[in-house]
Amino acid sequence: MLEKRLQAPASEPVTLAEAKNHLRVEHTLDDALITRLITAARQHVENITGLAIGQQQWRAFFDDFYRLELARHPVIAIDAVRYIDPDGNAQVVPAADYQATETLPVEVVSAPGAQWPDVIDGADAVTVDYTCGTAADLPVVQAVLLLLADMYETREASIIGVSHTPNPAVDALLAPYRQAPL
């Protein structure tokens, strides 16, 4: 399954001021870098947990209607389910014909009494657009700050023979949020 972000969150879980305070940076020379690192840290947290931090929109691509698992959670709404019919025409599944499961991993399933239509044989014959996201709570924000600090401190080229060990506190903070791999 492939997914593509259609709309990023409107704001990051950590402001530039909070990040600079955490990093103990008092100048403005690195503001652009720190802003990019905040986004990178959030995306890393999202990738290892499946959690969508801040409201965002995604499109998931499937070859058929078998097992429409969505990689991001919590799901706020299924915006559209589209498919290519056997004649090669783009179609939209009526919203009354599908629903999202309540448990993780979130799946889009046919509604009671409804059936999935036939699709063309081929890659990406079915797409699901969905809105997901949640406010970042304290452990997630702290993990973003710790990752940000690691990225800021080790932003230069690595030295041969010297390895960097990731902060184990990040794993501990994110453990309750991890979703089993898809």
C-alpha atoms as a PDB file:
ATOM      1  CA  MET A   1       0.000   0.000   0.000  1.00  0.00           C
ATOM      2  CA  LEU A   2       1.182   3.473  -0.847  1.00  0.00           C
ATOM      3  CA  GLU A   3      -0.009   6.656   0.815  1.00  0.00           C
ATOM      4  CA  LYS A   4       0.427  10.282  -0.153  1.00  0.00           C
ATOM      5  CA  ARG A   5      -0.128  13.287   2.086  1.00  0.00           C
ATOM      6  CA  LEU A   6      -2.630  15.668   0.449  1.00  0.00           C
ATOM      7  CA  GLN A   7      -2.592  18.317   3.160  1.00  0.00           C
ATOM      8  CA  ALA A   8      -0.071  18.782   5.963  1.00  0.00           C
ATOM      9  CA  PRO A   9      -1.124  19.915   9.440  1.00  0.00           C
ATOM     10  CA  ALA A  10      -1.750  23.649   9.759  1.00  0.00           C
ATOM     11  CA  SER A  11       0.785  23.923  12.587  1.00  0.00           C
ATOM     12  CA  GLU A  12       3.525  21.908  14.218  1.00  0.00           C
ATOM     13  CA  PRO A  13       3.181  20.457  17.745  1.00  0.00           C
ATOM     14  CA  VAL A  14       6.192  22.532  18.840  1.00  0.00           C
ATOM     15  CA  THR A  15       6.589  26.233  18.109  1.00  0.00           C
ATOM     16  CA  LEU A  16       9.879  27.776  17.046  1.00  0.00           C
ATOM     17  CA  ALA A  17      10.060  29.581  20.403  1.00  0.00           C
ATOM     18  CA  GLU A  18       9.554  26.312  22.333  1.00  0.00           C
ATOM     19  CA  ALA A  19      12.173  24.577  20.208  1.00  0.00           C
ATOM     20  CA  LYS A  20      14.731  27.350  20.661  1.00  0.00           C
ATOM     21  CA  ASN A  21      14.110  27.347  24.407  1.00  0.00           C
ATOM     22  CA  HIS A  22      14.632  23.564  24.518  1.00  0.00           C
ATOM     23  CA  LEU A  23      17.818  23.873  22.446  1.00  0.00           C
ATOM     24  CA  ARG A  24      18.984  26.910  24.436  1.00  0.00           C
ATOM     25  CA  VAL A  25      19.399  28.898  21.216  1.00  0.00           C
ATOM     26  CA  GLU A  26      19.127  32.662  21.670  1.00  0.00           C
ATOM     27  CA  HIS A  27      20.051  33.857  18.161  1.00  0.00           C
ATOM     28  CA  THR A  28      17.984  33.846  14.970  1.00  0.00           C
ATOM     29  CA  LEU A  29      20.664  32.485  12.627  1.00  0.00           C
ATOM     30  CA  ASP A  30      19.294  28.909  12.783  1.00  0.00           C
ATOM     31  CA  ASP A  31      15.558  29.700  12.791  1.00  0.00           C
ATOM     32  CA  ALA A  32      14.955  28.270   9.309  1.00  0.00           C
ATOM     33  CA  LEU A  33      16.955  25.127  10.136  1.00  0.00           C
ATOM     34  CA  ILE A  34      15.155  24.631  13.445  1.00  0.00           C
ATOM     35  CA  THR A  35      11.774  25.083  11.746  1.00  0.00           C
ATOM     36  CA  ARG A  36      12.664  22.359   9.205  1.00  0.00           C
ATOM     37  CA  LEU A  37      13.917  20.074  11.984  1.00  0.00           C
ATOM     38  CA  ILE A  38      10.643  20.474  13.904  1.00  0.00           C
ATOM     39  CA  THR A  39       8.782  19.198  10.831  1.00  0.00           C
ATOM     40  CA  ALA A  40      11.276  16.360  10.333  1.00  0.00           C
ATOM     41  CA  ALA A  41      10.982  15.307  13.984  1.00  0.00           C
ATOM     42  CA  ARG A  42       7.167  15.340  13.819  1.00  0.00           C
ATOM     43  CA  GLN A  43       7.199  13.295  10.631  1.00  0.00           C
ATOM     44  CA  HIS A  44       9.591  10.786  12.197  1.00  0.00           C
ATOM     45  CA  VAL A  45       7.276  10.384  15.202  1.00  0.00           C
ATOM     46  CA  GLU A  46       4.332   9.936  12.838  1.00  0.00           C
ATOM     47  CA  ASN A  47       6.196   7.336  10.781  1.00  0.00           C
ATOM     48  CA  ILE A  48       7.143   5.169  13.751  1.00  0.00           C
ATOM     49  CA  THR A  49       3.764   5.394  15.486  1.00  0.00           C
ATOM     50  CA  GLY A  50       1.258   5.744  12.628  1.00  0.00           C
ATOM     51  CA  LEU A  51      -0.144   8.680  14.595  1.00  0.00           C
ATOM     52  CA  ALA A  52      -1.184  11.767  12.626  1.00  0.00           C
ATOM     53  CA  ILE A  53      -0.194  14.795  14.696  1.00  0.00           C
ATOM     54  CA  GLY A  54      -2.440  17.691  13.795  1.00  0.00           C
ATOM     55  CA  GLN A  55      -5.308  17.422  11.318  1.00  0.00           C
ATOM     56  CA  GLN A  56      -4.130  16.349   7.850  1.00  0.00           C
ATOM     57  CA  GLN A  57      -5.421  14.694   4.707  1.00  0.00           C
ATOM     58  CA  TRP A  58      -4.064  11.543   3.058  1.00  0.00           C
ATOM     59  CA  ARG A  59      -4.731   9.432  -0.019  1.00  0.00           C
ATOM     60  CA  ALA A  60      -4.183   5.661   0.185  1.00  0.00           C
ATOM     61  CA  PHE A  61      -3.747   3.574  -2.971  1.00  0.00           C
ATOM     62  CA  PHE A  62      -4.829  -0.071  -3.301  1.00  0.00           C
ATOM     63  CA  ASP A  63      -4.936  -2.601  -6.134  1.00  0.00           C
ATOM     64  CA  ASP A  64      -8.440  -3.803  -5.182  1.00  0.00           C
ATOM     65  CA  PHE A  65     -11.008  -3.630  -2.387  1.00  0.00           C
ATOM     66  CA  TYR A  66      -9.332  -6.377  -0.352  1.00  0.00           C
ATOM     67  CA  ARG A  67      -8.174  -5.041   3.021  1.00  0.00           C
ATOM     68  CA  LEU A  68      -8.232  -1.254   2.835  1.00  0.00           C
ATOM     69  CA  GLU A  69      -5.970  -0.545   5.835  1.00  0.00           C
ATOM     70  CA  LEU A  70      -5.129   3.084   6.507  1.00  0.00           C
ATOM     71  CA  ALA A  71      -1.635   3.833   7.773  1.00  0.00           C
ATOM     72  CA  ARG A  72      -2.471   6.953   9.808  1.00  0.00           C
ATOM     73  CA  HIS A  73      -4.722   7.320  12.826  1.00  0.00           C
ATOM     74  CA  PRO A  74      -6.912   8.512  14.409  1.00  0.00           C
ATOM     75  CA  VAL A  75      -9.215   8.761  11.400  1.00  0.00           C
ATOM     76  CA  ILE A  76     -11.611  11.693  11.583  1.00  0.00           C
ATOM     77  CA  ALA A  77     -13.460  11.068   8.305  1.00  0.00           C
ATOM     78  CA  ILE A  78     -13.357   9.043   5.122  1.00  0.00           C
ATOM     79  CA  ASP A  79     -13.614  11.792   2.503  1.00  0.00           C
ATOM     80  CA  ALA A  80     -13.966   9.653  -0.635  1.00  0.00           C
ATOM     81  CA  VAL A  81     -13.505   6.123  -1.935  1.00  0.00           C
ATOM     82  CA  ARG A  82     -12.785   6.032  -5.654  1.00  0.00           C
ATOM     83  CA  TYR A  83     -12.104   3.184  -8.065  1.00  0.00           C
ATOM     84  CA  ILE A  84     -11.567   2.360 -11.707  1.00  0.00           C
ATOM     85  CA  ASP A  85     -14.321   0.078 -13.018  1.00  0.00           C
ATOM     86  CA  PRO A  86     -13.612  -2.854 -15.396  1.00  0.00           C
ATOM     87  CA  ASP A  87     -14.297  -0.547 -18.380  1.00  0.00           C
ATOM     88  CA  GLY A  88     -11.581   1.875 -17.225  1.00  0.00           C
ATOM     89  CA  ASN A  89     -13.944   4.583 -15.957  1.00  0.00           C
ATOM     90  CA  ALA A  90     -13.319   6.485 -12.726  1.00  0.00           C
ATOM     91  CA  GLN A  91     -16.134   5.960 -10.197  1.00  0.00           C
ATOM     92  CA  VAL A  92     -16.953   7.090  -6.664  1.00  0.00           C
ATOM     93  CA  VAL A  93     -18.388   4.709  -4.071  1.00  0.00           C
ATOM     94  CA  PRO A  94     -21.435   6.283  -2.358  1.00  0.00           C
ATOM     95  CA  ALA A  95     -20.608   7.269   1.227  1.00  0.00           C
ATOM     96  CA  ALA A  96     -23.486   5.128   2.528  1.00  0.00           C
ATOM     97  CA  ASP A  97     -21.767   2.014   1.130  1.00  0.00           C
ATOM     98  CA  TYR A  98     -18.661   2.082   3.373  1.00  0.00           C
ATOM     99  CA  GLN A  99     -17.515   2.812   6.899  1.00  0.00           C
ATOM    100  CA  ALA A 100     -14.305   2.874   8.935  1.00  0.00           C
ATOM    101  CA  THR A 101     -13.591   0.351  11.661  1.00  0.00           C
ATOM    102  CA  GLU A 102     -13.209   1.612  15.209  1.00  0.00           C
ATOM    103  CA  THR A 103     -10.092  -0.404  16.071  1.00  0.00           C
ATOM    104  CA  LEU A 104      -6.471  -0.251  14.951  1.00  0.00           C
ATOM    105  CA  PRO A 105      -5.450  -0.720  12.293  1.00  0.00           C
ATOM    106  CA  VAL A 106      -8.289   1.320  10.837  1.00  0.00           C
ATOM    107  CA  GLU A 107      -9.842  -0.330   7.791  1.00  0.00           C
ATOM    108  CA  VAL A 108     -12.433   0.910   5.332  1.00  0.00           C
ATOM    109  CA  VAL A 109     -15.057  -1.828   4.997  1.00  0.00           C
ATOM    110  CA  SER A 110     -18.312  -2.138   3.084  1.00  0.00           C
ATOM    111  CA  ALA A 111     -21.361  -1.072   5.055  1.00  0.00           C
ATOM    112  CA  PRO A 112     -23.874  -3.734   6.122  1.00  0.00           C
ATOM    113  CA  GLY A 113     -25.900  -4.758   3.081  1.00  0.00           C
ATOM    114  CA  ALA A 114     -23.474  -3.154   0.625  1.00  0.00           C
ATOM    115  CA  GLN A 115     -20.886  -4.823  -1.590  1.00  0.00           C
ATOM    116  CA  TRP A 116     -17.731  -3.500  -3.145  1.00  0.00           C
ATOM    117  CA  PRO A 117     -17.968  -3.036  -6.932  1.00  0.00           C
ATOM    118  CA  ASP A 118     -15.708  -4.780  -9.443  1.00  0.00           C
ATOM    119  CA  VAL A 119     -12.497  -2.976 -10.349  1.00  0.00           C
ATOM    120  CA  ILE A 120     -10.047  -3.042 -13.211  1.00  0.00           C
ATOM    121  CA  ASP A 121      -7.021  -5.312 -12.803  1.00  0.00           C
ATOM    122  CA  GLY A 122      -4.013  -3.156 -12.055  1.00  0.00           C
ATOM    123  CA  ALA A 123      -2.139  -1.084  -9.570  1.00  0.00           C
ATOM    124  CA  ASP A 124      -3.891   1.719  -7.720  1.00  0.00           C
ATOM    125  CA  ALA A 125      -7.364   0.754  -8.909  1.00  0.00           C
ATOM    126  CA  VAL A 126      -8.821   1.953  -5.588  1.00  0.00           C
ATOM    127  CA  THR A 127      -8.044   5.144  -3.669  1.00  0.00           C
ATOM    128  CA  VAL A 128      -9.240   6.267  -0.267  1.00  0.00           C
ATOM    129  CA  ASP A 129      -9.010   9.935   0.724  1.00  0.00           C
ATOM    130  CA  TYR A 130      -9.255  10.512   4.445  1.00  0.00           C
ATOM    131  CA  THR A 131      -8.797  13.128   7.140  1.00  0.00           C
ATOM    132  CA  CYS A 132      -6.952  12.148  10.278  1.00  0.00           C
ATOM    133  CA  GLY A 133      -5.134  13.692  13.185  1.00  0.00           C
ATOM    134  CA  THR A 134      -5.044  14.490  16.820  1.00  0.00           C
ATOM    135  CA  ALA A 135      -3.596  17.098  19.108  1.00  0.00           C
ATOM    136  CA  ALA A 136      -0.145  16.120  20.303  1.00  0.00           C
ATOM    137  CA  ASP A 137      -0.120  15.231  23.967  1.00  0.00           C
ATOM    138  CA  LEU A 138       2.831  15.718  26.286  1.00  0.00           C
ATOM    139  CA  PRO A 139       4.817  12.484  25.609  1.00  0.00           C
ATOM    140  CA  VAL A 140       4.608  13.028  21.845  1.00  0.00           C
ATOM    141  CA  VAL A 141       5.695  16.673  22.158  1.00  0.00           C
ATOM    142  CA  GLN A 142       8.595  15.627  24.393  1.00  0.00           C
ATOM    143  CA  ALA A 143       9.660  12.973  21.851  1.00  0.00           C
ATOM    144  CA  VAL A 144       9.580  15.612  19.088  1.00  0.00           C
ATOM    145  CA  LEU A 145      11.751  17.904  21.239  1.00  0.00           C
ATOM    146  CA  LEU A 146      14.264  15.134  21.986  1.00  0.00           C
ATOM    147  CA  LEU A 147      14.497  14.161  18.312  1.00  0.00           C
ATOM    148  CA  LEU A 148      14.845  17.812  17.362  1.00  0.00           C
ATOM    149  CA  ALA A 149      17.739  18.217  19.805  1.00  0.00           C
ATOM    150  CA  ASP A 150      19.461  15.103  18.426  1.00  0.00           C
ATOM    151  CA  MET A 151      19.050  16.330  14.844  1.00  0.00           C
ATOM    152  CA  TYR A 152      20.237  19.846  15.708  1.00  0.00           C
ATOM    153  CA  GLU A 153      23.297  18.656  17.627  1.00  0.00           C
ATOM    154  CA  THR A 154      24.330  16.067  15.007  1.00  0.00           C
ATOM    155  CA  ARG A 155      23.503  18.068  11.878  1.00  0.00           C
ATOM    156  CA  GLU A 156      27.075  18.139  10.601  1.00  0.00           C
ATOM    157  CA  ALA A 157      28.654  15.287   8.656  1.00  0.00           C
ATOM    158  CA  SER A 158      29.442  12.282  10.818  1.00  0.00           C
ATOM    159  CA  ILE A 159      32.993  11.451  11.760  1.00  0.00           C
ATOM    160  CA  ILE A 160      34.303   8.066  10.608  1.00  0.00           C
ATOM    161  CA  GLY A 161      34.539   5.668  13.511  1.00  0.00           C
ATOM    162  CA  VAL A 162      32.183   7.652  15.727  1.00  0.00           C
ATOM    163  CA  SER A 163      28.609   6.482  15.949  1.00  0.00           C
ATOM    164  CA  HIS A 164      25.581   8.288  17.288  1.00  0.00           C
ATOM    165  CA  THR A 165      23.214   6.353  19.507  1.00  0.00           C
ATOM    166  CA  PRO A 166      19.575   7.508  19.337  1.00  0.00           C
ATOM    167  CA  ASN A 167      18.081   8.732  22.587  1.00  0.00           C
ATOM    168  CA  PRO A 168      16.340   5.730  24.261  1.00  0.00           C
ATOM    169  CA  ALA A 169      13.885   8.118  25.937  1.00  0.00           C
ATOM    170  CA  VAL A 170      12.246   8.695  22.530  1.00  0.00           C
ATOM    171  CA  ASP A 171      11.377   4.994  22.254  1.00  0.00           C
ATOM    172  CA  ALA A 172      10.087   4.939  25.823  1.00  0.00           C
ATOM    173  CA  LEU A 173       7.894   7.999  25.283  1.00  0.00           C
ATOM    174  CA  LEU A 174       6.417   6.663  22.035  1.00  0.00           C
ATOM    175  CA  ALA A 175       5.949   3.007  23.069  1.00  0.00           C
ATOM    176  CA  PRO A 176       2.277   3.456  24.091  1.00  0.00           C
ATOM    177  CA  TYR A 177       1.504   5.063  20.717  1.00  0.00           C
ATOM    178  CA  ARG A 178       3.075   2.428  18.471  1.00  0.00           C
ATOM    179  CA  GLN A 179       0.813   0.556  16.102  1.00  0.00           C
ATOM    180  CA  ALA A 180       1.680  -2.904  14.861  1.00  0.00           C
ATOM    181  CA  PRO A 181       3.337  -2.682  11.424  1.00  0.00           C
ATOM    182  CA  LEU A 182       0.985  -2.998   8.462  1.00  0.00           C
END
